[in-house]
């Protein structure tokens, strides 16, 4: 919560709680989008001053942009793995368009 509100940075939080930065970053990426529901966001924004609201919203945009970039990178990596497996091992992994599912 300290990191999301902008009170301290990731490096300071990792030192404070004795957690390595990559682990802390993973937790933030996984939990920040899940735990911060609409009601909580609205309550927090109502209690803040105008400058802090703008800063909090800018931080949220940055956070969501990073999460989107990470997701895109993961998708690209998985697509590359499938392509390499299909080419190197001659295995068909992707389903052809219009093909029907097997009835097993």
N, C-alpha and C. Protein backbone atom coordinates (compact mmCIF):
# COMPACT_ATOMS: atom_id res chain seq x y z
N UNK A 1 0.82 -1.18 0.00
CA UNK A 1 0.00 0.00 0.00
C UNK A 1 0.87 1.25 0.00
N UNK A 2 2.00 1.19 0.68
CA UNK A 2 2.90 2.34 0.70
C UNK A 2 3.43 2.65 -0.68
N UNK A 3 3.71 1.60 -1.45
CA UNK A 3 4.26 1.78 -2.78
C UNK A 3 3.19 2.33 -3.71
N UNK A 4 1.99 1.77 -3.63
CA UNK A 4 0.90 2.20 -4.51
C UNK A 4 0.51 3.65 -4.25
N UNK A 5 0.57 4.07 -3.01
CA UNK A 5 0.20 5.45 -2.71
C UNK A 5 1.33 6.42 -3.02
N UNK A 6 2.51 5.89 -3.28
CA UNK A 6 3.64 6.75 -3.63
C UNK A 6 4.43 7.24 -2.42
N UNK A 7 4.14 6.70 -1.23
CA UNK A 7 4.84 7.11 -0.02
C UNK A 7 6.32 6.72 -0.09
N UNK A 8 6.59 5.48 -0.51
CA UNK A 8 7.97 5.02 -0.67
C UNK A 8 8.09 4.29 -1.99
N UNK A 9 9.31 4.14 -2.45
CA UNK A 9 9.56 3.44 -3.71
C UNK A 9 9.78 1.95 -3.48
N UNK A 10 9.93 1.23 -4.57
CA UNK A 10 10.12 -0.22 -4.49
C UNK A 10 11.44 -0.55 -3.80
N UNK A 11 12.49 0.19 -4.12
CA UNK A 11 13.79 -0.08 -3.51
C UNK A 11 13.73 0.11 -1.99
N UNK A 12 13.10 1.20 -1.53
CA UNK A 12 12.99 1.45 -0.09
C UNK A 12 12.13 0.40 0.59
N UNK A 13 11.06 -0.01 -0.07
CA UNK A 13 10.18 -1.04 0.50
C UNK A 13 10.90 -2.38 0.59
N UNK A 14 11.71 -2.69 -0.43
CA UNK A 14 12.44 -3.96 -0.38
C UNK A 14 13.45 -3.98 0.77
N UNK A 15 14.08 -2.84 1.01
CA UNK A 15 15.00 -2.77 2.14
C UNK A 15 14.25 -2.83 3.47
N UNK A 16 13.13 -2.11 3.56
CA UNK A 16 12.36 -2.04 4.80
C UNK A 16 11.83 -3.42 5.20
N UNK A 17 11.29 -4.16 4.24
CA UNK A 17 10.65 -5.45 4.54
C UNK A 17 11.57 -6.65 4.27
N UNK A 18 12.80 -6.37 3.82
CA UNK A 18 13.81 -7.41 3.56
C UNK A 18 13.31 -8.43 2.55
N UNK A 19 12.82 -7.91 1.42
CA UNK A 19 12.34 -8.73 0.31
C UNK A 19 13.08 -8.25 -0.93
N UNK A 20 13.51 -9.18 -1.78
CA UNK A 20 14.23 -8.75 -2.97
C UNK A 20 13.28 -8.02 -3.93
N UNK A 21 13.83 -7.10 -4.68
CA UNK A 21 13.01 -6.23 -5.55
C UNK A 21 12.22 -7.00 -6.60
N UNK A 22 12.80 -8.00 -7.28
CA UNK A 22 11.99 -8.71 -8.28
C UNK A 22 10.76 -9.40 -7.68
N UNK A 23 10.93 -9.97 -6.49
CA UNK A 23 9.80 -10.61 -5.82
C UNK A 23 8.74 -9.58 -5.47
N UNK A 24 9.17 -8.47 -4.94
CA UNK A 24 8.25 -7.40 -4.58
C UNK A 24 7.52 -6.88 -5.81
N UNK A 25 8.23 -6.73 -6.91
CA UNK A 25 7.62 -6.25 -8.15
C UNK A 25 6.58 -7.24 -8.66
N UNK A 26 6.87 -8.55 -8.56
CA UNK A 26 5.89 -9.56 -8.98
C UNK A 26 4.63 -9.47 -8.13
N UNK A 27 4.80 -9.33 -6.82
CA UNK A 27 3.64 -9.22 -5.94
C UNK A 27 2.81 -8.00 -6.28
N UNK A 28 3.49 -6.89 -6.53
CA UNK A 28 2.77 -5.66 -6.86
C UNK A 28 1.99 -5.85 -8.15
N UNK A 29 2.62 -6.42 -9.16
CA UNK A 29 1.94 -6.63 -10.44
C UNK A 29 0.73 -7.55 -10.30
N UNK A 30 0.87 -8.60 -9.51
CA UNK A 30 -0.23 -9.55 -9.35
C UNK A 30 -1.37 -9.00 -8.50
N UNK A 31 -1.03 -8.35 -7.42
CA UNK A 31 -2.05 -7.98 -6.44
C UNK A 31 -2.65 -6.60 -6.64
N UNK A 32 -1.93 -5.69 -7.26
CA UNK A 32 -2.44 -4.32 -7.33
C UNK A 32 -3.71 -4.23 -8.15
N UNK A 33 -3.78 -4.91 -9.26
CA UNK A 33 -4.97 -4.85 -10.11
C UNK A 33 -6.12 -5.61 -9.46
N UNK A 34 -5.83 -6.70 -8.80
CA UNK A 34 -6.87 -7.54 -8.20
C UNK A 34 -7.49 -6.88 -6.98
N UNK A 35 -6.67 -6.40 -6.07
CA UNK A 35 -7.16 -5.93 -4.78
C UNK A 35 -7.79 -4.55 -4.78
N UNK A 36 -7.43 -3.73 -5.74
CA UNK A 36 -7.92 -2.36 -5.73
C UNK A 36 -9.20 -2.30 -6.53
N UNK A 37 -10.32 -2.53 -5.87
CA UNK A 37 -11.62 -2.51 -6.51
C UNK A 37 -12.10 -1.09 -6.73
N UNK A 38 -13.21 -0.96 -7.44
CA UNK A 38 -13.75 0.35 -7.77
C UNK A 38 -14.15 1.13 -6.52
N UNK A 39 -14.80 0.49 -5.54
CA UNK A 39 -15.24 1.19 -4.34
C UNK A 39 -14.06 1.78 -3.58
N UNK A 40 -13.02 0.98 -3.40
CA UNK A 40 -11.84 1.44 -2.68
C UNK A 40 -11.16 2.58 -3.43
N UNK A 41 -11.07 2.46 -4.74
CA UNK A 41 -10.46 3.52 -5.54
C UNK A 41 -11.22 4.82 -5.38
N UNK A 42 -12.53 4.75 -5.44
CA UNK A 42 -13.35 5.95 -5.31
C UNK A 42 -13.22 6.57 -3.92
N UNK A 43 -13.17 5.75 -2.88
CA UNK A 43 -13.02 6.27 -1.52
C UNK A 43 -11.66 6.95 -1.33
N UNK A 44 -10.62 6.33 -1.87
CA UNK A 44 -9.28 6.91 -1.75
C UNK A 44 -9.20 8.23 -2.51
N UNK A 45 -9.77 8.27 -3.70
CA UNK A 45 -9.73 9.49 -4.50
C UNK A 45 -10.53 10.61 -3.86
N UNK A 46 -11.63 10.30 -3.20
CA UNK A 46 -12.45 11.32 -2.56
C UNK A 46 -11.71 11.96 -1.38
N UNK A 47 -10.86 11.20 -0.71
CA UNK A 47 -10.16 11.70 0.47
C UNK A 47 -8.89 12.49 0.12
N UNK A 48 -8.46 12.47 -1.12
CA UNK A 48 -7.20 13.11 -1.50
C UNK A 48 -7.42 14.53 -2.01
N UNK A 49 -6.36 15.30 -1.96
CA UNK A 49 -6.40 16.63 -2.56
C UNK A 49 -6.30 16.49 -4.07
N UNK A 50 -6.53 17.57 -4.77
CA UNK A 50 -6.53 17.52 -6.24
C UNK A 50 -5.18 17.09 -6.80
N UNK A 51 -4.08 17.62 -6.26
CA UNK A 51 -2.74 17.25 -6.74
C UNK A 51 -2.44 15.79 -6.48
N UNK A 52 -2.83 15.32 -5.30
CA UNK A 52 -2.57 13.92 -4.98
C UNK A 52 -3.44 12.99 -5.82
N UNK A 53 -4.65 13.44 -6.17
CA UNK A 53 -5.51 12.64 -7.05
C UNK A 53 -4.85 12.48 -8.42
N UNK A 54 -4.35 13.59 -8.94
CA UNK A 54 -3.70 13.54 -10.25
C UNK A 54 -2.48 12.63 -10.20
N UNK A 55 -1.69 12.77 -9.15
CA UNK A 55 -0.48 11.94 -9.02
C UNK A 55 -0.86 10.47 -8.86
N UNK A 56 -1.89 10.17 -8.08
CA UNK A 56 -2.31 8.78 -7.90
C UNK A 56 -2.81 8.19 -9.21
N UNK A 57 -3.57 8.96 -9.96
CA UNK A 57 -4.08 8.48 -11.25
C UNK A 57 -2.94 8.28 -12.25
N UNK A 58 -1.96 9.19 -12.24
CA UNK A 58 -0.80 9.02 -13.12
C UNK A 58 0.00 7.78 -12.74
N UNK A 59 0.15 7.53 -11.43
CA UNK A 59 0.84 6.32 -10.98
C UNK A 59 0.09 5.07 -11.41
N UNK A 60 -1.23 5.12 -11.35
CA UNK A 60 -2.05 3.97 -11.74
C UNK A 60 -1.90 3.72 -13.24
N UNK A 61 -1.87 4.78 -14.03
CA UNK A 61 -1.68 4.63 -15.48
C UNK A 61 -0.33 4.00 -15.76
N UNK A 62 0.70 4.46 -15.08
CA UNK A 62 2.04 3.90 -15.26
C UNK A 62 2.06 2.43 -14.87
N UNK A 63 1.42 2.11 -13.75
CA UNK A 63 1.38 0.73 -13.26
C UNK A 63 0.66 -0.18 -14.26
N UNK A 64 -0.48 0.28 -14.76
CA UNK A 64 -1.24 -0.53 -15.72
C UNK A 64 -0.51 -0.65 -17.06
N UNK A 65 0.21 0.39 -17.45
CA UNK A 65 1.00 0.34 -18.67
C UNK A 65 2.11 -0.70 -18.54
N UNK A 66 2.76 -0.73 -17.39
CA UNK A 66 3.82 -1.72 -17.17
C UNK A 66 3.25 -3.13 -17.17
N UNK A 67 2.08 -3.31 -16.55
CA UNK A 67 1.44 -4.63 -16.54
C UNK A 67 1.06 -5.07 -17.95
N UNK A 68 0.59 -4.13 -18.76
CA UNK A 68 0.25 -4.43 -20.15
C UNK A 68 1.49 -4.80 -20.94
N UNK A 69 2.58 -4.07 -20.75
CA UNK A 69 3.83 -4.38 -21.44
C UNK A 69 4.33 -5.77 -21.05
N UNK A 70 4.23 -6.11 -19.77
CA UNK A 70 4.66 -7.42 -19.30
C UNK A 70 3.80 -8.51 -19.93
N UNK A 71 2.50 -8.29 -20.02
CA UNK A 71 1.60 -9.26 -20.64
C UNK A 71 1.92 -9.44 -22.12
N UNK A 72 2.17 -8.33 -22.81
CA UNK A 72 2.51 -8.42 -24.23
C UNK A 72 3.82 -9.17 -24.44
N UNK A 73 4.79 -8.92 -23.57
CA UNK A 73 6.07 -9.61 -23.66
C UNK A 73 5.89 -11.11 -23.44
N UNK A 74 5.04 -11.47 -22.50
CA UNK A 74 4.77 -12.88 -22.21
C UNK A 74 4.11 -13.55 -23.41
N UNK A 75 3.14 -12.88 -24.02
CA UNK A 75 2.46 -13.42 -25.19
C UNK A 75 3.45 -13.61 -26.33
N UNK A 76 4.30 -12.61 -26.57
CA UNK A 76 5.29 -12.72 -27.64
C UNK A 76 6.24 -13.90 -27.39
N UNK A 77 6.65 -14.07 -26.15
CA UNK A 77 7.52 -15.19 -25.81
C UNK A 77 6.86 -16.53 -26.06
N UNK A 78 5.60 -16.64 -25.66
CA UNK A 78 4.88 -17.90 -25.87
C UNK A 78 4.66 -18.18 -27.36
N UNK A 79 4.35 -17.15 -28.12
CA UNK A 79 4.17 -17.34 -29.56
C UNK A 79 5.47 -17.76 -30.23
N UNK A 80 6.58 -17.19 -29.78
CA UNK A 80 7.89 -17.57 -30.32
C UNK A 80 8.20 -19.02 -29.99
N UNK A 81 7.90 -19.43 -28.76
CA UNK A 81 8.14 -20.83 -28.36
C UNK A 81 7.33 -21.79 -29.22
N UNK A 82 6.08 -21.47 -29.49
CA UNK A 82 5.23 -22.32 -30.31
C UNK A 82 5.78 -22.39 -31.73
N UNK A 83 6.20 -21.25 -32.28
CA UNK A 83 6.74 -21.20 -33.63
C UNK A 83 8.01 -22.04 -33.74
N UNK A 84 8.90 -21.90 -32.77
CA UNK A 84 10.15 -22.66 -32.79
C UNK A 84 9.87 -24.16 -32.66
N UNK A 85 8.94 -24.53 -31.79
CA UNK A 85 8.61 -25.94 -31.62
C UNK A 85 8.02 -26.52 -32.90
N UNK A 86 7.17 -25.74 -33.56
CA UNK A 86 6.58 -26.22 -34.81
C UNK A 86 7.63 -26.39 -35.90
N UNK A 87 8.58 -25.45 -35.97
CA UNK A 87 9.60 -25.51 -37.02
C UNK A 87 10.67 -26.56 -36.73
N UNK A 88 11.16 -26.59 -35.51
CA UNK A 88 12.28 -27.49 -35.18
C UNK A 88 11.85 -28.95 -35.01
N UNK A 89 10.72 -29.17 -34.35
CA UNK A 89 10.30 -30.52 -34.04
C UNK A 89 9.20 -31.04 -34.96
N UNK A 90 8.79 -30.21 -35.92
CA UNK A 90 7.76 -30.58 -36.88
C UNK A 90 6.48 -31.05 -36.19
N UNK A 91 6.12 -30.31 -35.16
CA UNK A 91 4.91 -30.62 -34.39
C UNK A 91 3.88 -29.54 -34.68
N UNK A 92 2.66 -29.94 -35.00
CA UNK A 92 1.60 -28.95 -35.20
C UNK A 92 0.96 -28.65 -33.85
N UNK A 93 1.09 -27.42 -33.44
CA UNK A 93 0.55 -27.01 -32.14
C UNK A 93 -0.68 -26.15 -32.34
N UNK A 94 -0.60 -25.22 -33.28
CA UNK A 94 -1.73 -24.33 -33.54
C UNK A 94 -2.82 -25.07 -34.29
N UNK A 95 -4.04 -24.74 -33.97
CA UNK A 95 -5.19 -25.35 -34.62
C UNK A 95 -5.46 -24.61 -35.93
N UNK A 96 -5.75 -25.35 -36.97
CA UNK A 96 -6.08 -24.73 -38.24
C UNK A 96 -7.49 -24.15 -38.16
N UNK A 97 -7.71 -23.08 -38.90
CA UNK A 97 -9.03 -22.47 -38.93
C UNK A 97 -10.03 -23.42 -39.57
N UNK A 98 -11.21 -23.47 -38.97
CA UNK A 98 -12.28 -24.27 -39.55
C UNK A 98 -12.22 -25.74 -39.19
N UNK A 99 -11.17 -26.19 -38.53
CA UNK A 99 -11.11 -27.60 -38.18
C UNK A 99 -12.01 -27.88 -36.99
N UNK A 100 -12.54 -29.06 -36.95
CA UNK A 100 -13.47 -29.44 -35.88
C UNK A 100 -12.70 -30.11 -34.75
N UNK A 101 -13.24 -30.01 -33.53
CA UNK A 101 -12.62 -30.66 -32.39
C UNK A 101 -12.84 -32.17 -32.49
N UNK A 102 -11.86 -32.91 -31.98
CA UNK A 102 -12.00 -34.36 -31.97
C UNK A 102 -13.02 -34.76 -30.90
N UNK A 103 -13.72 -35.86 -31.15
CA UNK A 103 -14.75 -36.32 -30.20
C UNK A 103 -14.19 -37.47 -29.38
N UNK A 104 -13.41 -37.14 -28.39
CA UNK A 104 -12.82 -38.18 -27.53
C UNK A 104 -13.56 -38.31 -26.25
